[in-house]
Protein backbone atom coordinates (compact mmCIF):
# COMPACT_ATOMS: atom_id res chain seq x y z
CA MET A 1 -30.08 113.57 61.86
CA GLN A 2 -30.54 113.79 58.19
CA ARG A 3 -33.30 115.97 56.91
CA ARG A 4 -35.20 113.19 55.21
CA HIS A 5 -34.96 111.22 58.27
CA PHE A 6 -36.67 113.85 60.05
CA LEU A 7 -39.00 114.48 57.74
CA ALA A 8 -40.28 110.81 57.55
CA SER A 9 -40.17 110.80 61.49
CA ALA A 10 -42.19 114.13 61.32
CA ALA A 11 -44.63 112.43 58.78
CA LEU A 12 -45.45 109.34 60.43
CA PRO A 13 -48.14 110.64 62.48
CA LEU A 14 -49.56 111.99 59.08
CA ILE A 15 -49.51 108.46 57.67
CA GLY A 16 -51.71 107.37 60.58
CA CYS A 17 -50.93 107.53 64.15
CA ALA A 18 -53.73 105.14 64.92
CA GLN A 19 -52.18 102.77 62.19
CA ALA A 20 -48.80 102.74 64.15
CA ASP A 21 -50.79 102.16 67.47
CA ASP A 22 -52.68 99.33 65.95
CA ILE A 23 -49.45 97.53 65.11
CA SER A 24 -48.82 94.81 67.89
CA GLY A 25 -45.62 93.33 68.96
CA SER A 26 -43.30 92.79 72.04
CA PHE A 27 -39.87 91.95 73.08
CA THR A 28 -39.19 88.45 72.00
CA GLY A 29 -36.30 85.87 71.64
CA ILE A 30 -33.99 86.83 74.55
CA ASN A 31 -34.77 86.40 78.18
CA LEU A 32 -33.04 89.50 79.27
CA ALA A 33 -34.00 88.92 83.03
CA ARG A 34 -33.00 85.50 82.89
CA GLY A 35 -29.42 86.79 81.32
CA HIS A 36 -29.02 89.13 84.14
CA LEU A 37 -29.85 86.65 87.11
CA LEU A 38 -25.65 85.87 87.20
CA ARG A 39 -25.32 89.75 87.68
CA ASP A 40 -28.24 90.91 89.93
CA ARG A 41 -28.64 87.87 92.10
CA GLN A 42 -26.72 87.74 95.30
CA SER A 43 -27.24 84.34 96.81
CA TRP A 44 -28.55 80.86 95.31
CA PRO A 45 -29.84 78.11 97.08
CA ALA A 46 -27.63 74.87 97.79
CA PRO A 47 -27.82 72.21 95.13
CA ALA A 48 -30.99 70.09 94.96
CA VAL A 49 -29.95 67.38 92.52
CA MET A 50 -26.74 65.74 91.36
CA ARG A 51 -26.06 64.74 87.84
CA LYS A 52 -23.41 63.08 86.44
CA THR A 53 -21.97 62.86 82.53
CA ASP A 54 -18.66 62.31 80.72
CA VAL A 55 -18.39 65.62 78.92
CA LEU A 56 -20.36 68.64 79.77
CA ILE A 57 -20.65 71.41 77.35
CA LEU A 58 -21.67 74.83 78.51
CA GLY A 59 -23.49 77.01 75.96
CA GLY A 60 -25.61 76.07 73.30
CA GLY A 61 -24.71 78.42 70.48
CA VAL A 62 -23.01 77.44 67.04
CA ALA A 63 -19.79 76.38 68.75
CA GLY A 64 -21.55 74.49 71.44
CA LEU A 65 -23.68 72.86 69.01
CA ALA A 66 -20.60 72.16 66.52
CA ALA A 67 -18.72 70.44 69.66
CA ALA A 68 -21.98 68.20 70.41
CA ARG A 69 -22.09 67.06 66.75
CA ALA A 70 -18.09 66.25 66.75
CA LEU A 71 -18.63 64.15 69.83
CA ARG A 72 -21.56 62.33 68.24
CA LEU A 73 -19.38 61.63 65.07
CA GLN A 74 -16.67 60.26 67.40
CA GLY A 75 -19.41 57.55 68.76
CA ARG A 76 -19.46 59.38 72.00
CA GLN A 77 -23.32 59.63 73.31
CA ASP A 78 -22.49 60.49 77.17
CA PHE A 79 -22.52 64.23 77.39
CA ALA A 80 -24.89 66.99 78.03
CA LEU A 81 -25.28 70.47 76.80
CA LEU A 82 -26.58 73.23 79.19
CA GLU A 83 -28.22 76.36 77.31
CA LEU A 84 -29.59 79.41 78.94
CA GLU A 85 -32.35 80.28 76.52
CA ASP A 86 -35.24 77.90 75.75
CA ALA A 87 -33.83 77.23 72.26
CA ALA A 88 -30.51 76.21 71.30
CA GLY A 89 -28.61 78.34 68.49
CA GLY A 90 -27.25 81.53 70.10
CA ASN A 91 -27.29 84.39 67.40
CA SER A 92 -28.20 81.90 64.78
CA ARG A 93 -31.82 80.98 66.01
CA GLY A 94 -34.98 81.45 63.96
CA GLY A 95 -38.56 82.05 65.01
CA THR A 96 -42.01 82.80 63.62
CA VAL A 97 -44.77 86.08 63.35
CA ASN A 98 -47.96 85.27 62.38
CA GLY A 99 -46.88 81.84 61.25
CA ILE A 100 -44.26 82.96 58.98
CA ALA A 101 -40.71 81.78 59.70
CA CYS A 102 -37.98 84.65 60.23
CA PRO A 103 -34.49 85.12 61.66
CA LEU A 104 -33.73 86.41 65.32
CA GLY A 105 -30.22 86.87 64.04
CA ALA A 106 -28.02 85.70 61.55
CA HIS A 107 -29.68 85.15 58.24
CA TYR A 108 -27.12 83.65 55.70
CA LEU A 109 -23.84 81.56 55.32
CA PRO A 110 -21.46 82.02 52.47
CA VAL A 111 -20.69 79.08 50.47
CA PRO A 112 -17.53 77.93 52.49
CA GLY A 113 -14.16 77.76 51.21
CA ASP A 114 -11.54 74.91 51.36
CA ALA A 115 -10.10 76.69 54.36
CA ALA A 116 -13.46 75.63 56.38
CA PRO A 117 -13.48 71.78 55.31
CA GLU A 118 -15.38 71.24 58.94
CA VAL A 119 -18.43 73.48 57.90
CA GLN A 120 -18.39 71.91 54.38
CA ASP A 121 -18.74 68.40 55.99
CA LEU A 122 -21.51 69.66 57.84
CA LEU A 123 -23.28 71.15 54.37
CA GLU A 124 -22.56 67.69 53.14
CA GLU A 125 -24.12 65.70 55.92
CA LEU A 126 -27.57 68.09 55.34
CA GLY A 127 -27.64 67.35 51.90
CA LEU A 128 -26.75 70.85 50.61
CA ARG A 129 -23.78 69.99 48.52
CA ARG A 130 -22.94 66.67 46.63
CA ARG A 131 -20.11 65.71 44.07
CA VAL A 132 -21.63 65.89 40.62
CA SER A 133 -19.03 64.54 37.96
CA GLY A 134 -16.14 65.26 40.38
CA ARG A 135 -17.10 68.66 41.12
CA TRP A 136 -18.98 69.99 44.17
CA GLU A 137 -22.41 71.46 43.37
CA TYR A 138 -24.86 72.97 46.05
CA ASP A 139 -28.69 72.41 46.17
CA GLU A 140 -29.83 75.74 44.33
CA ARG A 141 -33.25 75.63 46.28
CA HIS A 142 -30.82 76.78 49.50
CA LEU A 143 -28.83 79.47 47.40
CA CYS A 144 -29.92 82.87 47.79
CA HIS A 145 -32.39 83.39 44.84
CA SER A 146 -31.89 86.64 42.50
CA PRO A 147 -32.26 89.40 42.95
CA GLN A 148 -29.73 89.38 45.71
CA GLU A 149 -29.44 92.98 47.02
CA ARG A 150 -30.10 96.61 46.34
CA LEU A 151 -29.73 100.07 47.99
CA PHE A 152 -32.25 103.18 48.21
CA PHE A 153 -30.07 105.67 47.40
CA ASN A 154 -30.93 109.29 45.88
CA GLY A 155 -34.41 108.75 46.08
CA ALA A 156 -34.48 105.23 44.11
CA TRP A 157 -33.48 101.83 44.08
CA GLN A 158 -30.25 100.66 42.48
CA ASP A 159 -28.87 97.02 41.83
CA GLY A 160 -26.17 96.08 44.40
CA LEU A 161 -25.03 97.93 47.57
CA LEU A 162 -21.99 100.23 46.41
CA PRO A 163 -23.59 103.80 45.49
CA VAL A 164 -23.16 104.14 41.90
CA GLN A 165 -26.12 106.09 40.40
CA GLY A 166 -25.12 109.70 39.70
CA VAL A 167 -21.70 109.56 41.82
CA SER A 168 -18.64 111.30 40.60
CA ARG A 169 -15.77 110.58 38.38
CA ASP A 170 -13.61 111.14 41.66
CA THR A 171 -15.77 108.74 43.49
CA LEU A 172 -15.39 105.93 40.74
CA ALA A 173 -11.69 106.77 40.88
CA GLN A 174 -11.64 106.06 45.01
CA TYR A 175 -13.59 102.65 44.33
CA GLN A 176 -10.67 101.79 41.86
CA LYS A 177 -7.91 102.84 44.56
CA PHE A 178 -9.56 100.58 47.09
CA ALA A 179 -10.22 97.65 44.75
CA ALA A 180 -6.58 97.88 44.02
CA LEU A 181 -5.46 97.98 47.49
CA VAL A 182 -7.65 94.90 48.33
CA GLU A 183 -6.01 92.83 45.48
CA GLN A 184 -2.43 93.97 46.68
CA ALA A 185 -3.33 92.85 50.17
CA ARG A 186 -4.65 89.62 48.71
CA SER A 187 -1.29 89.01 46.74
CA ALA A 188 0.83 89.68 49.87
CA ALA A 189 -0.98 87.38 52.24
CA ARG A 190 -3.47 84.55 52.54
CA TRP A 191 -6.89 85.61 53.83
CA THR A 192 -8.99 82.73 54.87
CA ILE A 193 -12.29 82.04 56.66
CA PRO A 194 -11.82 80.60 59.19
CA ALA A 195 -8.83 82.88 60.47
CA SER A 196 -8.28 81.20 63.48
CA LYS A 197 -6.37 78.53 61.53
CA GLN A 198 -4.16 80.99 59.30
CA PRO A 199 -0.86 82.53 60.55
CA LEU A 200 -0.38 86.03 60.16
CA ALA A 201 1.62 87.59 57.33
CA PRO A 202 3.85 90.72 58.42
CA VAL A 203 0.78 92.99 56.07
CA GLN A 204 -1.92 91.79 58.34
CA THR A 205 0.05 92.24 61.48
CA ALA A 206 0.45 95.71 60.73
CA LEU A 207 -3.25 96.21 59.90
CA ILE A 208 -4.26 94.87 63.21
CA ALA A 209 -2.45 97.67 65.03
CA ILE A 210 -4.67 100.46 63.48
CA THR A 211 -8.10 101.18 62.85
CA PHE A 212 -9.62 101.01 59.51
CA ILE A 213 -10.35 104.89 59.10
CA ALA A 214 -6.62 105.18 60.08
CA TYR A 215 -5.80 102.86 56.94
CA LEU A 216 -8.19 104.87 54.98
CA ASN A 217 -6.79 108.15 56.02
CA GLN A 218 -3.35 107.03 55.19
CA ASN A 219 -4.20 106.00 51.67
CA GLY A 220 -5.94 109.15 50.93
CA LEU A 221 -9.48 107.28 50.60
CA THR A 222 -11.78 110.39 51.76
CA ASP A 223 -14.91 109.88 49.49
CA PRO A 224 -17.93 110.01 51.29
CA HIS A 225 -19.86 107.17 49.22
CA LEU A 226 -16.71 104.90 49.67
CA ARG A 227 -16.45 105.48 53.41
CA TRP A 228 -20.41 104.99 53.98
CA TYR A 229 -20.25 101.78 52.02
CA LEU A 230 -17.20 100.50 53.88
CA ASN A 231 -18.76 101.64 57.26
CA TYR A 232 -21.94 99.67 56.62
CA CYS A 233 -20.07 96.88 55.93
CA CYS A 234 -18.04 96.50 59.05
CA ARG A 235 -21.17 97.55 61.06
CA ASP A 236 -23.05 94.64 59.28
CA ASP A 237 -20.42 91.85 59.79
CA PHE A 238 -18.64 93.30 63.12
CA GLY A 239 -21.53 95.41 64.77
CA ALA A 240 -19.09 98.82 64.69
CA GLY A 241 -18.02 101.20 61.83
CA ILE A 242 -14.64 102.15 60.40
CA ALA A 243 -13.52 104.19 63.38
CA THR A 244 -13.85 101.23 65.74
CA VAL A 245 -12.91 98.12 63.95
CA SER A 246 -9.21 97.35 63.01
CA ALA A 247 -8.02 97.80 59.39
CA TRP A 248 -7.39 93.91 59.22
CA ALA A 249 -11.05 93.51 59.97
CA GLY A 250 -12.13 95.90 57.04
CA ILE A 251 -9.55 94.42 54.76
CA HIS A 252 -10.42 91.00 55.73
CA TYR A 253 -14.15 91.44 54.85
CA PHE A 254 -13.18 91.68 51.23
CA ALA A 255 -10.05 89.84 50.91
CA SER A 256 -11.14 86.64 52.50
CA ARG A 257 -14.09 86.08 50.03
CA HIS A 258 -15.24 88.04 47.07
CA GLY A 259 -12.77 91.02 46.80
CA PHE A 260 -14.26 94.60 46.13
CA HIS A 261 -16.26 94.78 43.04
CA LEU A 262 -16.05 97.71 41.04
CA PRO A 263 -19.30 99.09 38.82
CA GLY A 264 -19.09 97.51 35.45
CA THR A 265 -17.73 94.12 36.65
CA GLU A 266 -21.05 92.18 36.92
CA SER A 267 -19.46 89.57 35.05
CA VAL A 268 -17.33 88.69 37.81
CA GLU A 269 -19.16 85.61 39.51
CA ARG A 270 -19.30 86.04 43.34
CA GLU A 271 -19.46 82.95 45.59
CA GLY A 272 -23.19 82.02 46.87
CA VAL A 273 -25.07 82.67 49.78
CA LEU A 274 -27.08 79.91 51.64
CA THR A 275 -29.96 81.27 53.35
CA TRP A 276 -33.38 80.04 54.54
CA PRO A 277 -36.55 81.72 55.79
CA GLN A 278 -35.44 81.43 59.37
CA GLY A 279 -31.87 82.36 58.32
CA ASN A 280 -29.16 80.04 60.11
CA GLY A 281 -31.72 79.02 62.44
CA TRP A 282 -32.22 76.26 59.44
CA LEU A 283 -28.83 75.16 60.33
CA THR A 284 -28.90 75.28 64.30
CA GLU A 285 -32.34 73.67 64.34
CA ARG A 286 -30.67 70.42 62.42
CA LEU A 287 -27.74 70.38 64.66
CA ALA A 288 -29.76 70.44 67.90
CA ALA A 289 -32.51 67.76 67.00
CA PRO A 290 -30.12 64.81 67.67
CA LEU A 291 -29.26 65.93 70.99
CA GLN A 292 -32.68 65.23 72.49
CA GLU A 293 -32.36 64.79 76.26
CA ARG A 294 -28.96 65.69 76.13
CA LEU A 295 -30.04 69.24 75.59
CA HIS A 296 -30.97 71.07 78.91
CA THR A 297 -32.43 74.35 78.01
CA GLY A 298 -33.38 77.23 80.74
CA ARG A 299 -30.19 76.68 82.64
CA VAL A 300 -27.73 79.62 84.11
CA VAL A 301 -24.36 78.30 84.72
CA LEU A 302 -23.19 79.66 88.04
CA ARG A 303 -19.89 78.19 88.69
CA ILE A 304 -17.21 76.22 86.90
CA ALA A 305 -14.72 74.35 88.96
CA SER A 306 -11.63 71.92 88.43
CA VAL A 307 -12.00 69.26 91.11
CA LYS A 308 -9.78 66.09 91.78
CA HIS A 309 -11.58 63.88 89.17
CA GLY A 310 -12.98 66.23 86.62
CA VAL A 311 -14.92 69.16 86.48
CA GLU A 312 -18.12 70.55 88.87
CA VAL A 313 -20.47 72.97 87.41
CA ASP A 314 -23.25 74.69 89.18
CA ALA A 315 -26.63 75.68 86.87
CA PHE A 316 -29.89 77.07 87.95
CA ASN A 317 -32.83 75.45 86.52
CA THR A 318 -35.18 78.32 85.77
CA THR A 319 -38.17 75.98 85.27
CA THR A 320 -37.67 74.08 88.69
CA GLN A 321 -35.98 77.24 90.34
CA THR A 322 -33.76 74.78 91.77
CA VAL A 323 -29.53 74.55 91.39
CA GLU A 324 -28.34 71.46 89.83
CA ARG A 325 -24.84 70.18 90.27
CA TRP A 326 -23.07 68.72 87.23
CA GLN A 327 -20.21 66.58 87.60
CA ALA A 328 -18.16 65.49 84.27
CA ARG A 329 -14.56 64.17 83.44
CA ARG A 330 -14.13 67.16 81.08
CA ALA A 331 -16.02 70.34 79.74
CA ILE A 332 -16.05 72.40 76.94
CA VAL A 333 -16.72 76.15 77.89
CA ALA A 334 -18.65 77.65 74.80
CA LEU A 335 -19.80 80.42 76.61
CA PRO A 336 -18.95 84.05 75.91
CA ILE A 337 -15.56 85.15 77.29
CA PHE A 338 -16.67 87.59 79.54
CA VAL A 339 -19.31 85.00 81.06
CA ALA A 340 -16.48 82.19 81.15
CA ALA A 341 -14.04 84.60 83.34
CA ARG A 342 -16.98 85.37 85.67
CA VAL A 343 -18.09 81.55 86.57
CA LEU A 344 -14.85 79.78 86.16
CA GLN A 345 -13.68 79.47 89.69
CA ASN A 346 -9.83 80.47 89.97
CA ALA A 347 -9.99 81.79 86.19
CA PRO A 348 -6.50 81.79 84.70
CA ASP A 349 -4.91 85.07 83.86
CA PHE A 350 -5.28 84.92 80.31
CA LEU A 351 -8.98 84.46 80.35
CA ARG A 352 -9.51 87.50 82.88
CA GLN A 353 -7.34 89.54 80.45
CA ALA A 354 -9.13 88.40 77.35
CA ALA A 355 -12.60 89.37 78.99
CA ALA A 356 -11.12 92.60 79.95
CA ARG A 357 -9.99 93.36 76.48
CA THR A 358 -13.06 92.06 74.35
CA HIS A 359 -15.43 94.89 73.47
CA TYR A 360 -19.05 93.31 72.50
CA ALA A 361 -21.83 95.08 69.84
CA PRO A 362 -25.56 95.54 70.99
CA TRP A 363 -27.67 94.55 68.25
CA LEU A 364 -31.66 94.64 67.72
CA VAL A 365 -33.45 92.41 65.11
CA ALA A 366 -36.88 93.33 64.28
CA ASN A 367 -39.14 91.34 62.54
CA ILE A 368 -42.39 93.04 60.72
CA HIS A 369 -45.08 91.26 59.38
CA LEU A 370 -46.91 92.82 56.49
CA LYS A 371 -50.16 91.62 55.54
CA THR A 372 -49.94 92.63 51.94
CA PRO A 373 -46.89 93.47 49.69
CA LEU A 374 -45.35 96.70 49.49
CA HIS A 375 -45.87 99.16 46.67
CA ASP A 376 -42.34 99.23 45.26
CA ARG A 377 -40.71 102.52 43.31
CA PRO A 378 -39.23 102.25 39.84
CA GLY A 379 -36.08 100.35 39.61
CA PRO A 380 -34.84 96.98 40.47
CA ALA A 381 -37.02 94.51 41.60
CA PRO A 382 -37.49 93.61 45.47
CA SER A 383 -34.58 91.72 46.60
CA TRP A 384 -33.51 89.42 49.56
CA ASP A 385 -31.36 92.12 51.15
CA ASN A 386 -32.46 95.74 51.06
CA VAL A 387 -30.42 98.62 52.25
CA LEU A 388 -31.22 102.18 52.65
CA TYR A 389 -28.28 104.91 52.17
CA ASP A 390 -27.27 106.64 55.10
CA ALA A 391 -29.89 105.29 57.50
CA PRO A 392 -29.51 104.46 61.21
CA GLY A 393 -30.50 100.85 60.61
CA LEU A 394 -28.58 98.10 58.24
CA GLY A 395 -31.89 97.56 56.18
CA TYR A 396 -33.67 94.31 55.88
CA VAL A 397 -34.15 90.89 54.46
CA ASP A 398 -37.45 89.39 53.21
CA ALA A 399 -38.15 86.19 55.00
CA LEU A 400 -40.07 84.80 51.93
CA HIS A 401 -37.47 85.83 49.26
CA GLN A 402 -36.64 81.91 48.73
CA SER A 403 -40.72 81.33 48.12
CA LEU A 404 -41.57 80.19 44.86
CA LYS A 405 -45.09 81.30 45.07
CA PRO A 406 -46.38 83.14 41.89
CA VAL A 407 -48.04 85.74 43.34
CA PRO A 408 -46.61 87.55 46.63
CA GLY A 409 -48.66 87.89 49.53
CA ALA A 410 -47.98 88.35 53.33
CA THR A 411 -44.44 88.46 54.35
CA VAL A 412 -42.08 89.28 57.15
CA LEU A 413 -39.17 91.73 56.87
CA THR A 414 -36.38 91.19 59.09
CA TYR A 415 -34.78 94.55 60.14
CA TYR A 416 -31.13 94.85 61.77
CA ARG A 417 -29.73 97.83 63.59
CA ALA A 418 -25.99 97.41 65.23
CA LEU A 419 -25.33 99.59 68.26
CA GLY A 420 -21.76 99.05 68.72
CA ASP A 421 -20.65 102.59 67.86
CA VAL A 422 -23.71 104.89 68.80
CA PRO A 423 -22.51 108.04 71.01
CA GLY A 424 -21.23 106.83 74.13
CA GLY A 425 -20.31 103.46 72.70
CA PRO A 426 -21.51 99.75 73.29
CA ASN A 427 -22.43 100.69 77.04
CA ALA A 428 -24.79 103.26 75.58
CA GLY A 429 -26.28 101.15 73.04
CA ARG A 430 -27.29 98.56 75.66
CA ARG A 431 -28.65 101.09 77.78
CA GLN A 432 -30.89 102.12 74.87
CA LEU A 433 -31.70 98.53 74.38
CA LEU A 434 -32.62 98.15 78.03
CA GLU A 435 -34.65 101.31 78.69
CA LYS A 436 -36.12 102.33 75.31
CA PRO A 437 -39.66 101.04 75.22
CA TRP A 438 -40.74 98.52 72.41
CA SER A 439 -43.22 101.48 70.95
CA ALA A 440 -40.32 104.15 70.55
CA TRP A 441 -38.32 101.29 68.70
CA ARG A 442 -41.51 100.63 66.44
CA ASP A 443 -41.92 104.14 65.67
CA ASP A 444 -38.23 104.79 65.08
CA ILE A 445 -37.97 101.71 62.49
CA LEU A 446 -41.49 102.53 60.64
CA ALA A 447 -40.05 106.20 60.14
CA GLU A 448 -36.78 105.02 58.82
CA LEU A 449 -38.15 102.35 56.46
CA ALA A 450 -40.97 104.93 55.38
CA VAL A 451 -38.34 106.83 53.31
CA ALA A 452 -38.21 104.03 50.98
CA HIS A 453 -41.84 102.57 51.64
CA PRO A 454 -44.17 105.19 52.68
CA ASP A 455 -47.07 102.40 52.74
CA LEU A 456 -45.12 100.20 55.21
CA PRO A 457 -46.75 101.76 58.24
CA ALA A 458 -50.21 100.87 57.14
CA LYS A 459 -49.42 97.58 55.74
CA ALA A 460 -47.46 96.48 58.98
CA THR A 461 -49.73 94.32 61.69
CA ARG A 462 -47.14 92.95 64.01
CA ILE A 463 -43.25 93.85 65.03
CA ASP A 464 -41.39 91.52 67.48
CA ILE A 465 -37.88 92.89 68.49
CA THR A 466 -34.99 90.85 69.77
CA ARG A 467 -32.30 92.46 71.70
CA TYR A 468 -28.85 91.47 72.23
CA GLY A 469 -26.76 93.22 74.66
CA HIS A 470 -23.51 91.28 73.76
CA ALA A 471 -24.35 90.01 70.37
CA MET A 472 -20.59 89.49 69.10
CA ALA A 473 -17.04 90.65 69.75
CA ILE A 474 -15.84 93.65 67.92
CA PRO A 475 -12.67 92.98 66.00
CA VAL A 476 -10.89 96.41 67.48
CA PRO A 477 -7.02 96.97 66.96
CA ARG A 478 -4.86 94.80 69.12
CA ASP A 479 -1.32 95.15 70.61
CA LEU A 480 0.23 91.74 69.35
CA SER A 481 3.14 91.94 71.90
CA GLN A 482 0.31 90.95 74.47
CA ILE A 483 -1.24 87.77 74.38
CA GLU A 484 -4.61 88.72 72.78
CA LEU A 485 -7.72 87.23 70.96
CA GLN A 486 -6.83 88.38 67.42
CA PRO A 487 -5.66 86.42 65.52
CA PRO A 488 -6.05 83.27 67.44
CA SER A 489 -3.08 81.57 65.43
CA ILE A 490 -0.87 84.30 67.16
CA MET A 491 -2.56 83.94 70.56
CA ARG A 492 -2.16 80.07 70.53
CA LYS A 493 1.87 80.29 69.45
CA LYS A 494 2.27 82.35 72.70
CA LEU A 495 0.04 80.41 74.62
CA LEU A 496 1.81 77.01 73.63
CA ASN A 497 5.24 78.87 74.60
CA SER A 498 4.11 79.33 78.24
CA GLU A 499 4.12 76.40 80.97
CA GLN A 500 1.68 78.48 82.79
CA ILE A 501 -1.03 79.38 80.45
CA LYS A 502 -2.46 77.01 78.16
CA LEU A 503 -5.67 76.72 76.21
CA THR A 504 -7.02 73.94 77.63
CA HIS A 505 -7.03 74.99 81.27
CA ASP A 506 -6.94 71.85 83.58
CA LYS A 507 -9.99 69.81 82.32
CA LEU A 508 -11.65 72.57 80.45
CA THR A 509 -11.51 73.44 76.66
CA PHE A 510 -12.53 76.97 75.50
CA ALA A 511 -14.66 77.40 72.52
CA HIS A 512 -16.79 80.25 71.05
CA SER A 513 -16.59 82.92 68.40
CA ASP A 514 -15.25 85.33 70.81
CA TRP A 515 -11.72 83.59 70.69
CA ALA A 516 -11.61 84.19 66.98
CA GLY A 517 -11.92 88.23 67.78
CA TYR A 518 -15.28 88.37 65.52
CA SER A 519 -18.62 86.53 65.21
CA VAL A 520 -19.09 84.54 62.00
CA PHE A 521 -20.80 81.11 61.79
CA GLU A 522 -17.47 79.45 60.22
CA GLU A 523 -15.24 80.54 63.19
CA ALA A 524 -17.61 79.47 65.99
CA PHE A 525 -18.46 76.08 64.46
CA THR A 526 -14.61 75.56 63.78
CA LEU A 527 -13.57 76.23 67.01
CA GLY A 528 -16.32 74.03 68.51
CA HIS A 529 -15.65 71.01 66.51
CA LEU A 530 -12.08 71.03 67.15
CA ALA A 531 -12.75 71.58 70.96
CA ALA A 532 -14.52 68.23 70.83
């Protein structure tokens, strides 16, 4: 534990033990007991009702919602979507705390490039972009307002997330060296999002085989500030740090988007970021709305079987406490791979192997309601994204940053913590989520953020915490001599060359961000769209 974190933790009772006890809250957003029914329950009643549809979509995350939209665009209305939770959206759902909208997971979408035409079309449909004088323009009301991000470093806030205040010349030289390596990688290969449609170049194949920290060691990149920043970026996007994710993932983070920006290059224009008070829940709410009665929430998929005339699915209705049997001509399996492998009867080898090799990062998201604005320290103004250097968490975003109110008032700060590489690994992180009480998480989070905001514990009124045991697939190093998940272009090539193994198994098509090897909106949406 860093000294300042220990002091903050020790000082929390002095800030006001009664104040912490007065903060209300709960675990919310994810029904863990419902999610564990499939694991814990030994028997199920016989199906009580029979339902039929032409196409059945299993899973209402971004991939499942994208598949449903694609069917609608084809003019096909005879389909149904089964979702475990009470609302569709997966990791891209929104909620409210004391009447203020906030994210329960993913909180932004970078303006997509031309490699993601499916996502571009969605944004055009939603009125977020349009052609003006032959050029695409995005609605500025939905682009992240300035200031966008800041870092609490050496006791003060600084612009941007790369540590620069008071760092040595050696540190700056390492920043420059890494920037040159990123540009070298961009020159040697095409880096796109989604990556699932792009064949690998030799340089990318080599990077997939090693960890990011091994790549940094090979190139003499040992500076602690650089390594902290790269570790933060990997934890933020992939749920685990540089010692866990592949070098391909670490370089892809920069090479596929804006590169690596050196201090003093503020004139370089970065791509825009779309964000809303409820995060990407703004998008999934609009994807789910047209489904109406075709969206069936509170369903636990128990069994998927290919039968003579199509697909048969048993699902437990958590409202009626009965089992429903669904019959469909085809099904799109938009479930996490480890769930799909468990419920698919006679699962093919490639699915079982994929499930065994996929590592998942657990996550915690805490929404903190503040009754009044925080008293900020000197430095850059409060930003949308606010990160504390060398802290356990990933910082917080302000749900009302997009608000145009002239006078700040009550707001919600959405705090994130990835648990994919805690001591003991993801399983230890999942145990923490299951066993640690809400009050202990509350005290940890308050102590962490009080380092930068000593007045936060006194101004917080409620903290709602959402726990994701298997939030996302971690892009770990892969042996491409085997059929693997990453990158999908290689996997597809291998699968298409095999008569026994197909991406479309019998009457099933698979679609989930897991198949991209890492979890971002563009990958999940594209895979779901193409599956339909």
